[in-house]
Amino acid sequence: MNRRKQGDVSWYLPNRKRPFAYSTIAEADTIAILLEEFGDLRAVVSANRILSQQERIIIQTFIDNGVYKPIVR
């Protein structure tokens, strides 16, 4: 079976085997920089930063699952 690549970066919730989203490297870098700057994803959302739709989906999924300081590699 030939798997189609869905994105450059796969996003996983802790203790889950399957990714919940895919993004570009640039989107992953943006999330990593904002997380380093604000220290918590809830602060990123409340700061009303300009984010792509995919970045918002990734951040909101982490928040909805109680993960406020994910490890972004």
PDB file of N, CA and C in Angstrom:
ATOM      1  N   MET A   1       0.840  -1.173   0.000  1.00  0.00           N
ATOM      2  CA  MET A   1       0.000   0.000   0.000  1.00  0.00           C
ATOM      3  C   MET A   1       0.892   1.244   0.000  1.00  0.00           C
ATOM      4  N   ASN A   2       0.611   2.165  -0.878  1.00  0.00           N
ATOM      5  CA  ASN A   2       1.387   3.394  -0.992  1.00  0.00           C
ATOM      6  C   ASN A   2       0.685   4.499  -0.220  1.00  0.00           C
ATOM      7  N   ARG A   3       1.328   4.960   0.843  1.00  0.00           N
ATOM      8  CA  ARG A   3       0.724   6.016   1.673  1.00  0.00           C
ATOM      9  C   ARG A   3       1.064   7.375   1.106  1.00  0.00           C
ATOM     10  N   ARG A   4       0.076   8.220   1.033  1.00  0.00           N
ATOM     11  CA  ARG A   4       0.263   9.579   0.556  1.00  0.00           C
ATOM     12  C   ARG A   4       0.718  10.465   1.715  1.00  0.00           C
ATOM     13  N   LYS A   5       1.745  11.251   1.500  1.00  0.00           N
ATOM     14  CA  LYS A   5       2.225  12.149   2.534  1.00  0.00           C
ATOM     15  C   LYS A   5       1.219  13.284   2.696  1.00  0.00           C
ATOM     16  N   GLN A   6       0.805  13.532   3.938  1.00  0.00           N
ATOM     17  CA  GLN A   6      -0.241  14.508   4.191  1.00  0.00           C
ATOM     18  C   GLN A   6       0.294  15.847   4.678  1.00  0.00           C
ATOM     19  N   GLY A   7       1.526  15.899   5.100  1.00  0.00           N
ATOM     20  CA  GLY A   7       2.116  17.139   5.583  1.00  0.00           C
ATOM     21  C   GLY A   7       3.536  16.900   6.027  1.00  0.00           C
ATOM     22  N   ASP A   8       4.273  17.981   6.228  1.00  0.00           N
ATOM     23  CA  ASP A   8       5.668  17.864   6.631  1.00  0.00           C
ATOM     24  C   ASP A   8       5.813  17.461   8.095  1.00  0.00           C
ATOM     25  N   VAL A   9       4.880  17.923   8.951  1.00  0.00           N
ATOM     26  CA  VAL A   9       4.951  17.673  10.390  1.00  0.00           C
ATOM     27  C   VAL A   9       3.669  16.985  10.840  1.00  0.00           C
ATOM     28  N   SER A  10       3.806  15.901  11.589  1.00  0.00           N
ATOM     29  CA  SER A  10       2.659  15.192  12.157  1.00  0.00           C
ATOM     30  C   SER A  10       2.498  15.620  13.611  1.00  0.00           C
ATOM     31  N   TRP A  11       1.272  15.889  14.026  1.00  0.00           N
ATOM     32  CA  TRP A  11       0.982  16.338  15.386  1.00  0.00           C
ATOM     33  C   TRP A  11       0.274  15.237  16.157  1.00  0.00           C
ATOM     34  N   TYR A  12       0.813  14.913  17.339  1.00  0.00           N
ATOM     35  CA  TYR A  12       0.272  13.841  18.170  1.00  0.00           C
ATOM     36  C   TYR A  12      -0.112  14.377  19.550  1.00  0.00           C
ATOM     37  N   LEU A  13      -1.171  13.831  20.096  1.00  0.00           N
ATOM     38  CA  LEU A  13      -1.497  14.079  21.494  1.00  0.00           C
ATOM     39  C   LEU A  13      -0.691  13.088  22.326  1.00  0.00           C
ATOM     40  N   PRO A  14      -0.372  13.419  23.571  1.00  0.00           N
ATOM     41  CA  PRO A  14       0.385  12.485  24.409  1.00  0.00           C
ATOM     42  C   PRO A  14      -0.307  11.118  24.508  1.00  0.00           C
ATOM     43  N   ASN A  15       0.484  10.081  24.425  1.00  0.00           N
ATOM     44  CA  ASN A  15       0.016   8.692  24.545  1.00  0.00           C
ATOM     45  C   ASN A  15      -0.922   8.264  23.425  1.00  0.00           C
ATOM     46  N   ARG A  16      -0.861   8.907  22.293  1.00  0.00           N
ATOM     47  CA  ARG A  16      -1.663   8.516  21.123  1.00  0.00           C
ATOM     48  C   ARG A  16      -0.721   8.091  20.001  1.00  0.00           C
ATOM     49  N   LYS A  17      -1.149   7.085  19.247  1.00  0.00           N
ATOM     50  CA  LYS A  17      -0.307   6.559  18.177  1.00  0.00           C
ATOM     51  C   LYS A  17      -0.536   7.254  16.839  1.00  0.00           C
ATOM     52  N   ARG A  18      -1.733   7.786  16.651  1.00  0.00           N
ATOM     53  CA  ARG A  18      -2.053   8.405  15.370  1.00  0.00           C
ATOM     54  C   ARG A  18      -2.047   9.928  15.486  1.00  0.00           C
ATOM     55  N   PRO A  19      -1.536  10.585  14.452  1.00  0.00           N
ATOM     56  CA  PRO A  19      -1.537  12.045  14.493  1.00  0.00           C
ATOM     57  C   PRO A  19      -2.954  12.598  14.349  1.00  0.00           C
ATOM     58  N   PHE A  20      -3.217  13.731  14.998  1.00  0.00           N
ATOM     59  CA  PHE A  20      -4.527  14.365  14.875  1.00  0.00           C
ATOM     60  C   PHE A  20      -4.510  15.446  13.803  1.00  0.00           C
ATOM     61  N   ALA A  21      -3.318  15.861  13.365  1.00  0.00           N
ATOM     62  CA  ALA A  21      -3.221  16.890  12.335  1.00  0.00           C
ATOM     63  C   ALA A  21      -1.849  16.838  11.676  1.00  0.00           C
ATOM     64  N   TYR A  22      -1.764  17.494  10.532  1.00  0.00           N
ATOM     65  CA  TYR A  22      -0.512  17.635   9.801  1.00  0.00           C
ATOM     66  C   TYR A  22      -0.342  19.116   9.466  1.00  0.00           C
ATOM     67  N   SER A  23       0.913  19.558   9.389  1.00  0.00           N
ATOM     68  CA  SER A  23       1.163  20.956   9.039  1.00  0.00           C
ATOM     69  C   SER A  23       2.466  21.082   8.274  1.00  0.00           C
ATOM     70  N   THR A  24       2.724  22.295   7.823  1.00  0.00           N
ATOM     71  CA  THR A  24       4.005  22.581   7.186  1.00  0.00           C
ATOM     72  C   THR A  24       5.047  22.823   8.268  1.00  0.00           C
ATOM     73  N   ILE A  25       6.296  22.826   7.885  1.00  0.00           N
ATOM     74  CA  ILE A  25       7.366  23.114   8.832  1.00  0.00           C
ATOM     75  C   ILE A  25       7.240  24.542   9.343  1.00  0.00           C
ATOM     76  N   ALA A  26       6.853  25.461   8.467  1.00  0.00           N
ATOM     77  CA  ALA A  26       6.697  26.865   8.874  1.00  0.00           C
ATOM     78  C   ALA A  26       5.623  27.021   9.945  1.00  0.00           C
ATOM     79  N   GLU A  27       4.503  26.312   9.796  1.00  0.00           N
ATOM     80  CA  GLU A  27       3.441  26.380  10.811  1.00  0.00           C
ATOM     81  C   GLU A  27       3.922  25.794  12.135  1.00  0.00           C
ATOM     82  N   ALA A  28       4.662  24.700  12.079  1.00  0.00           N
ATOM     83  CA  ALA A  28       5.201  24.084  13.299  1.00  0.00           C
ATOM     84  C   ALA A  28       6.190  25.029  13.976  1.00  0.00           C
ATOM     85  N   ASP A  29       7.016  25.693  13.179  1.00  0.00           N
ATOM     86  CA  ASP A  29       7.972  26.652  13.740  1.00  0.00           C
ATOM     87  C   ASP A  29       7.249  27.821  14.400  1.00  0.00           C
ATOM     88  N   THR A  30       6.171  28.298  13.780  1.00  0.00           N
ATOM     89  CA  THR A  30       5.399  29.403  14.350  1.00  0.00           C
ATOM     90  C   THR A  30       4.822  29.012  15.701  1.00  0.00           C
ATOM     91  N   ILE A  31       4.246  27.819  15.785  1.00  0.00           N
ATOM     92  CA  ILE A  31       3.678  27.353  17.050  1.00  0.00           C
ATOM     93  C   ILE A  31       4.775  27.213  18.105  1.00  0.00           C
ATOM     94  N   ALA A  32       5.917  26.673  17.718  1.00  0.00           N
ATOM     95  CA  ALA A  32       7.031  26.502  18.659  1.00  0.00           C
ATOM     96  C   ALA A  32       7.522  27.848  19.179  1.00  0.00           C
ATOM     97  N   ILE A  33       7.645  28.841  18.304  1.00  0.00           N
ATOM     98  CA  ILE A  33       8.111  30.169  18.708  1.00  0.00           C
ATOM     99  C   ILE A  33       7.102  30.831  19.639  1.00  0.00           C
ATOM    100  N   LEU A  34       5.811  30.744  19.296  1.00  0.00           N
ATOM    101  CA  LEU A  34       4.790  31.346  20.150  1.00  0.00           C
ATOM    102  C   LEU A  34       4.720  30.650  21.507  1.00  0.00           C
ATOM    103  N   LEU A  35       4.876  29.336  21.523  1.00  0.00           N
ATOM    104  CA  LEU A  35       4.870  28.601  22.786  1.00  0.00           C
ATOM    105  C   LEU A  35       6.055  29.016  23.653  1.00  0.00           C
ATOM    106  N   GLU A  36       7.198  29.216  23.026  1.00  0.00           N
ATOM    107  CA  GLU A  36       8.380  29.668  23.774  1.00  0.00           C
ATOM    108  C   GLU A  36       8.173  31.089  24.304  1.00  0.00           C
ATOM    109  N   GLU A  37       7.556  31.939  23.491  1.00  0.00           N
ATOM    110  CA  GLU A  37       7.332  33.332  23.885  1.00  0.00           C
ATOM    111  C   GLU A  37       6.309  33.461  25.005  1.00  0.00           C
ATOM    112  N   PHE A  38       5.186  32.732  24.887  1.00  0.00           N
ATOM    113  CA  PHE A  38       4.098  32.869  25.848  1.00  0.00           C
ATOM    114  C   PHE A  38       4.125  31.823  26.957  1.00  0.00           C
ATOM    115  N   GLY A  39       4.733  30.668  26.705  1.00  0.00           N
ATOM    116  CA  GLY A  39       4.857  29.634  27.721  1.00  0.00           C
ATOM    117  C   GLY A  39       3.642  28.731  27.875  1.00  0.00           C
ATOM    118  N   ASP A  40       2.525  29.104  27.265  1.00  0.00           N
ATOM    119  CA  ASP A  40       1.275  28.348  27.414  1.00  0.00           C
ATOM    120  C   ASP A  40       0.402  28.632  26.194  1.00  0.00           C
ATOM    121  N   LEU A  41      -0.191  27.589  25.624  1.00  0.00           N
ATOM    122  CA  LEU A  41      -1.006  27.777  24.420  1.00  0.00           C
ATOM    123  C   LEU A  41      -2.252  28.620  24.685  1.00  0.00           C
ATOM    124  N   ARG A  42      -2.770  28.580  25.905  1.00  0.00           N
ATOM    125  CA  ARG A  42      -3.945  29.414  26.223  1.00  0.00           C
ATOM    126  C   ARG A  42      -3.599  30.895  26.118  1.00  0.00           C
ATOM    127  N   ALA A  43      -2.379  31.258  26.482  1.00  0.00           N
ATOM    128  CA  ALA A  43      -1.943  32.650  26.372  1.00  0.00           C
ATOM    129  C   ALA A  43      -1.781  33.054  24.911  1.00  0.00           C
ATOM    130  N   VAL A  44      -1.383  32.121  24.065  1.00  0.00           N
ATOM    131  CA  VAL A  44      -1.254  32.405  22.631  1.00  0.00           C
ATOM    132  C   VAL A  44      -2.626  32.749  22.051  1.00  0.00           C
ATOM    133  N   VAL A  45      -3.629  31.973  22.397  1.00  0.00           N
ATOM    134  CA  VAL A  45      -4.988  32.211  21.887  1.00  0.00           C
ATOM    135  C   VAL A  45      -5.532  33.528  22.414  1.00  0.00           C
ATOM    136  N   SER A  46      -5.320  33.804  23.682  1.00  0.00           N
ATOM    137  CA  SER A  46      -5.867  35.035  24.267  1.00  0.00           C
ATOM    138  C   SER A  46      -5.140  36.284  23.773  1.00  0.00           C
ATOM    139  N   ALA A  47      -3.945  36.128  23.218  1.00  0.00           N
ATOM    140  CA  ALA A  47      -3.195  37.271  22.697  1.00  0.00           C
ATOM    141  C   ALA A  47      -3.680  37.689  21.304  1.00  0.00           C
ATOM    142  N   ASN A  48      -4.594  36.923  20.731  1.00  0.00           N
ATOM    143  CA  ASN A  48      -5.170  37.223  19.409  1.00  0.00           C
ATOM    144  C   ASN A  48      -4.102  37.398  18.333  1.00  0.00           C
ATOM    145  N   ARG A  49      -3.134  36.505  18.322  1.00  0.00           N
ATOM    146  CA  ARG A  49      -2.096  36.530  17.294  1.00  0.00           C
ATOM    147  C   ARG A  49      -2.693  36.135  15.952  1.00  0.00           C
ATOM    148  N   ILE A  50      -2.089  36.597  14.876  1.00  0.00           N
ATOM    149  CA  ILE A  50      -2.532  36.209  13.539  1.00  0.00           C
ATOM    150  C   ILE A  50      -1.970  34.821  13.260  1.00  0.00           C
ATOM    151  N   LEU A  51      -2.856  33.859  13.117  1.00  0.00           N
ATOM    152  CA  LEU A  51      -2.478  32.470  12.896  1.00  0.00           C
ATOM    153  C   LEU A  51      -3.226  31.923  11.687  1.00  0.00           C
ATOM    154  N   SER A  52      -2.625  30.947  11.025  1.00  0.00           N
ATOM    155  CA  SER A  52      -3.323  30.273   9.934  1.00  0.00           C
ATOM    156  C   SER A  52      -4.426  29.402  10.525  1.00  0.00           C
ATOM    157  N   GLN A  53      -5.338  28.979   9.692  1.00  0.00           N
ATOM    158  CA  GLN A  53      -6.428  28.128  10.164  1.00  0.00           C
ATOM    159  C   GLN A  53      -5.878  26.821  10.738  1.00  0.00           C
ATOM    160  N   GLN A  54      -4.867  26.257  10.098  1.00  0.00           N
ATOM    161  CA  GLN A  54      -4.288  24.997  10.575  1.00  0.00           C
ATOM    162  C   GLN A  54      -3.606  25.184  11.926  1.00  0.00           C
ATOM    163  N   GLU A  55      -2.907  26.307  12.119  1.00  0.00           N
ATOM    164  CA  GLU A  55      -2.265  26.581  13.407  1.00  0.00           C
ATOM    165  C   GLU A  55      -3.318  26.701  14.501  1.00  0.00           C
ATOM    166  N   ARG A  56      -4.424  27.365  14.208  1.00  0.00           N
ATOM    167  CA  ARG A  56      -5.510  27.494  15.185  1.00  0.00           C
ATOM    168  C   ARG A  56      -6.105  26.135  15.545  1.00  0.00           C
ATOM    169  N   ILE A  57      -6.293  25.273  14.549  1.00  0.00           N
ATOM    170  CA  ILE A  57      -6.848  23.938  14.789  1.00  0.00           C
ATOM    171  C   ILE A  57      -5.915  23.132  15.696  1.00  0.00           C
ATOM    172  N   ILE A  58      -4.629  23.177  15.416  1.00  0.00           N
ATOM    173  CA  ILE A  58      -3.646  22.425  16.213  1.00  0.00           C
ATOM    174  C   ILE A  58      -3.627  22.931  17.649  1.00  0.00           C
ATOM    175  N   ILE A  59      -3.541  24.243  17.817  1.00  0.00           N
ATOM    176  CA  ILE A  59      -3.508  24.820  19.162  1.00  0.00           C
ATOM    177  C   ILE A  59      -4.786  24.514  19.916  1.00  0.00           C
ATOM    178  N   GLN A  60      -5.944  24.662  19.267  1.00  0.00           N
ATOM    179  CA  GLN A  60      -7.223  24.416  19.933  1.00  0.00           C
ATOM    180  C   GLN A  60      -7.387  22.949  20.308  1.00  0.00           C
ATOM    181  N   THR A  61      -6.899  22.038  19.485  1.00  0.00           N
ATOM    182  CA  THR A  61      -6.974  20.609  19.804  1.00  0.00           C
ATOM    183  C   THR A  61      -6.162  20.295  21.053  1.00  0.00           C
ATOM    184  N   PHE A  62      -4.967  20.857  21.145  1.00  0.00           N
ATOM    185  CA  PHE A  62      -4.167  20.663  22.359  1.00  0.00           C
ATOM    186  C   PHE A  62      -4.906  21.210  23.574  1.00  0.00           C
ATOM    187  N   ILE A  63      -5.431  22.419  23.484  1.00  0.00           N
ATOM    188  CA  ILE A  63      -6.140  23.035  24.613  1.00  0.00           C
ATOM    189  C   ILE A  63      -7.356  22.207  25.009  1.00  0.00           C
ATOM    190  N   ASP A  64      -8.141  21.769  24.023  1.00  0.00           N
ATOM    191  CA  ASP A  64      -9.339  20.968  24.304  1.00  0.00           C
ATOM    192  C   ASP A  64      -9.010  19.659  25.020  1.00  0.00           C
ATOM    193  N   ASN A  65      -7.788  19.167  24.832  1.00  0.00           N
ATOM    194  CA  ASN A  65      -7.371  17.914  25.461  1.00  0.00           C
ATOM    195  C   ASN A  65      -6.503  18.138  26.696  1.00  0.00           C
ATOM    196  N   GLY A  66      -6.457  19.377  27.178  1.00  0.00           N
ATOM    197  CA  GLY A  66      -5.750  19.676  28.419  1.00  0.00           C
ATOM    198  C   GLY A  66      -4.239  19.720  28.300  1.00  0.00           C
ATOM    199  N   VAL A  67      -3.730  19.869  27.089  1.00  0.00           N
ATOM    200  CA  VAL A  67      -2.285  19.934  26.872  1.00  0.00           C
ATOM    201  C   VAL A  67      -1.943  21.387  26.552  1.00  0.00           C
ATOM    202  N   TYR A  68      -1.410  22.092  27.541  1.00  0.00           N
ATOM    203  CA  TYR A  68      -1.161  23.528  27.382  1.00  0.00           C
ATOM    204  C   TYR A  68       0.294  23.845  27.053  1.00  0.00           C
ATOM    205  N   LYS A  69       1.190  22.906  27.332  1.00  0.00           N
ATOM    206  CA  LYS A  69       2.607  23.109  27.064  1.00  0.00           C
ATOM    207  C   LYS A  69       3.166  21.860  26.368  1.00  0.00           C
ATOM    208  N   PRO A  70       2.740  21.620  25.114  1.00  0.00           N
ATOM    209  CA  PRO A  70       3.210  20.424  24.417  1.00  0.00           C
ATOM    210  C   PRO A  70       4.690  20.534  24.044  1.00  0.00           C
ATOM    211  N   ILE A  71       5.301  19.408  23.839  1.00  0.00           N
ATOM    212  CA  ILE A  71       6.688  19.380  23.383  1.00  0.00           C
ATOM    213  C   ILE A  71       6.642  19.443  21.869  1.00  0.00           C
ATOM    214  N   VAL A  72       7.188  20.506  21.309  1.00  0.00           N
ATOM    215  CA  VAL A  72       7.222  20.696  19.865  1.00  0.00           C
ATOM    216  C   VAL A  72       8.648  20.465  19.420  1.00  0.00           C
ATOM    217  N   ARG A  73       8.833  19.466  18.582  1.00  0.00           N
ATOM    218  CA  ARG A  73      10.196  19.121  18.136  1.00  0.00           C
ATOM    219  C   ARG A  73      10.499  19.717  16.803  1.00  0.00           C
TER     220      ARG A  73
END
